[in-house]
């Protein structure tokens, strides 16, 4: 999940956060509610925000769902831009750097003007 930190708030990119589906997987819906319950803001179509006070809880949620084996690693790993400087210690077990070049096999097309601030 693309992540960035600004003013001690961690933002998860709106395209990477889980979605609730009424008849969806129990695990995925539980993941949605677990993340949403600790988010400061989790509006549909917007980046989700997590204040520094809940970062430890966020790490625990990500590690727990990662360990379950039901979700892909890309769904539970934070990907920070290289220019972030340093990954905070609390996230080092569940974070990595965004790749500089997108993988053409997994790249989704997005409008260039909507994701400029997320570019690495």
Protein backbone atom coordinates (compact mmCIF):
# COMPACT_ATOMS: atom_id res chain seq x y z
CA UNK A 1 0.00 0.00 0.00
CA UNK A 2 1.40 3.37 -0.95
CA UNK A 3 2.03 5.37 2.20
CA UNK A 4 3.44 8.77 3.03
CA UNK A 5 3.91 10.78 6.19
CA UNK A 6 3.18 14.47 6.51
CA UNK A 7 3.09 16.34 9.84
CA UNK A 8 3.10 13.10 11.88
CA UNK A 9 0.10 11.73 9.96
CA UNK A 10 0.47 8.59 7.87
CA UNK A 11 -1.61 8.62 4.69
CA UNK A 12 -2.61 5.46 2.83
CA UNK A 13 -3.34 6.04 -0.85
CA UNK A 14 -7.06 5.88 -1.62
CA UNK A 15 -6.52 3.23 -4.33
CA UNK A 16 -4.72 0.89 -1.92
CA UNK A 17 -7.04 0.83 1.09
CA UNK A 18 -9.37 -2.17 1.49
CA UNK A 19 -13.00 -1.92 0.45
CA UNK A 20 -16.03 -3.22 2.30
CA UNK A 21 -18.23 -5.53 0.25
CA UNK A 22 -21.57 -6.64 1.66
CA UNK A 23 -21.13 -10.18 0.32
CA UNK A 24 -17.35 -10.10 0.33
CA UNK A 25 -14.73 -12.17 2.10
CA UNK A 26 -15.00 -12.19 5.89
CA UNK A 27 -11.22 -11.67 6.16
CA UNK A 28 -11.19 -8.71 3.77
CA UNK A 29 -14.19 -7.09 5.44
CA UNK A 30 -12.61 -7.63 8.89
CA UNK A 31 -9.41 -6.02 7.57
CA UNK A 32 -11.44 -3.06 6.28
CA UNK A 33 -13.13 -2.55 9.67
CA UNK A 34 -9.92 -3.06 11.67
CA UNK A 35 -8.08 -0.38 9.68
CA UNK A 36 -11.05 1.94 9.53
CA UNK A 37 -11.58 1.73 13.30
CA UNK A 38 -8.15 3.21 14.05
CA UNK A 39 -8.02 5.69 11.17
CA UNK A 40 -8.45 9.37 11.94
CA UNK A 41 -10.15 9.75 8.56
CA UNK A 42 -11.33 6.99 6.27
CA UNK A 43 -13.68 8.52 3.74
CA UNK A 44 -14.61 6.75 0.52
CA UNK A 45 -12.55 8.01 -2.41
CA UNK A 46 -9.99 9.77 -0.21
CA UNK A 47 -6.66 8.85 1.35
CA UNK A 48 -6.99 7.31 4.81
CA UNK A 49 -5.21 9.12 7.65
CA UNK A 50 -3.56 7.64 10.74
CA UNK A 51 -2.20 9.93 13.45
CA UNK A 52 1.07 8.97 15.13
CA UNK A 53 -0.81 7.96 18.30
CA UNK A 54 -2.22 4.89 16.50
CA UNK A 55 0.87 3.83 14.54
CA UNK A 56 1.63 0.94 16.91
CA UNK A 57 -1.96 -0.30 16.54
CA UNK A 58 -1.67 0.06 12.76
CA UNK A 59 1.52 -2.01 12.76
CA UNK A 60 -0.19 -4.71 14.83
CA UNK A 61 -3.18 -4.83 12.47
CA UNK A 62 -0.93 -5.06 9.40
CA UNK A 63 1.27 -7.76 10.95
CA UNK A 64 -1.71 -9.77 12.16
CA UNK A 65 -3.45 -9.81 8.79
CA UNK A 66 -0.14 -10.43 7.01
CA UNK A 67 0.55 -13.43 9.25
CA UNK A 68 -2.91 -14.85 8.57
CA UNK A 69 -1.86 -15.68 5.01
CA UNK A 70 -5.24 -14.71 3.55
CA UNK A 71 -4.10 -11.41 2.06
CA UNK A 72 -1.37 -10.64 -0.45
CA UNK A 73 1.82 -9.11 0.92
CA UNK A 74 1.15 -5.99 -1.18
CA UNK A 75 -2.09 -5.49 0.77
CA UNK A 76 -0.38 -5.45 4.16
CA UNK A 77 2.98 -3.81 3.39
CA UNK A 78 3.47 -0.05 3.53
CA UNK A 79 5.40 1.34 0.55
CA UNK A 80 7.03 4.67 1.27
CA UNK A 81 8.45 7.01 -1.39
CA UNK A 82 12.25 7.18 -1.47
CA UNK A 83 12.15 10.90 -0.68
CA UNK A 84 10.38 10.13 2.63
CA UNK A 85 13.88 10.01 4.11
CA UNK A 86 13.56 7.27 6.69
CA UNK A 87 10.92 4.70 7.52
CA UNK A 88 9.82 5.23 11.14
CA UNK A 89 11.04 2.47 13.46
CA UNK A 90 7.49 1.38 14.30
CA UNK A 91 6.87 0.43 10.64
CA UNK A 92 10.20 -1.17 9.69
CA UNK A 93 8.85 -4.73 10.03
CA UNK A 94 5.98 -4.07 7.62
CA UNK A 95 7.32 -1.41 5.28
CA UNK A 96 9.51 -1.02 2.23
CA UNK A 97 10.42 1.63 -0.32
CA UNK A 98 8.32 2.19 -3.42
CA UNK A 99 10.02 0.85 -6.51
CA UNK A 100 11.37 3.56 -8.76
CA UNK A 101 9.99 1.95 -11.89
CA UNK A 102 6.49 0.47 -11.85
CA UNK A 103 6.10 -3.18 -12.80
CA UNK A 104 4.40 -3.13 -16.23
CA UNK A 105 2.56 -6.38 -15.44
CA UNK A 106 0.81 -4.92 -12.39
CA UNK A 107 0.64 -1.23 -13.25
CA UNK A 108 -2.84 0.22 -13.39
CA UNK A 109 -3.57 3.22 -15.52
CA UNK A 110 -4.44 6.34 -13.55
CA UNK A 111 -5.03 9.88 -14.64
CA UNK A 112 -1.69 11.68 -14.41
CA UNK A 113 -3.07 14.71 -12.61
CA UNK A 114 -4.73 12.72 -9.80
CA UNK A 115 -1.64 10.95 -8.50
CA UNK A 116 1.11 13.53 -9.04
CA UNK A 117 1.61 14.08 -5.31
CA UNK A 118 2.14 10.32 -4.84
CA UNK A 119 4.82 10.00 -7.52
CA UNK A 120 8.17 8.86 -6.19
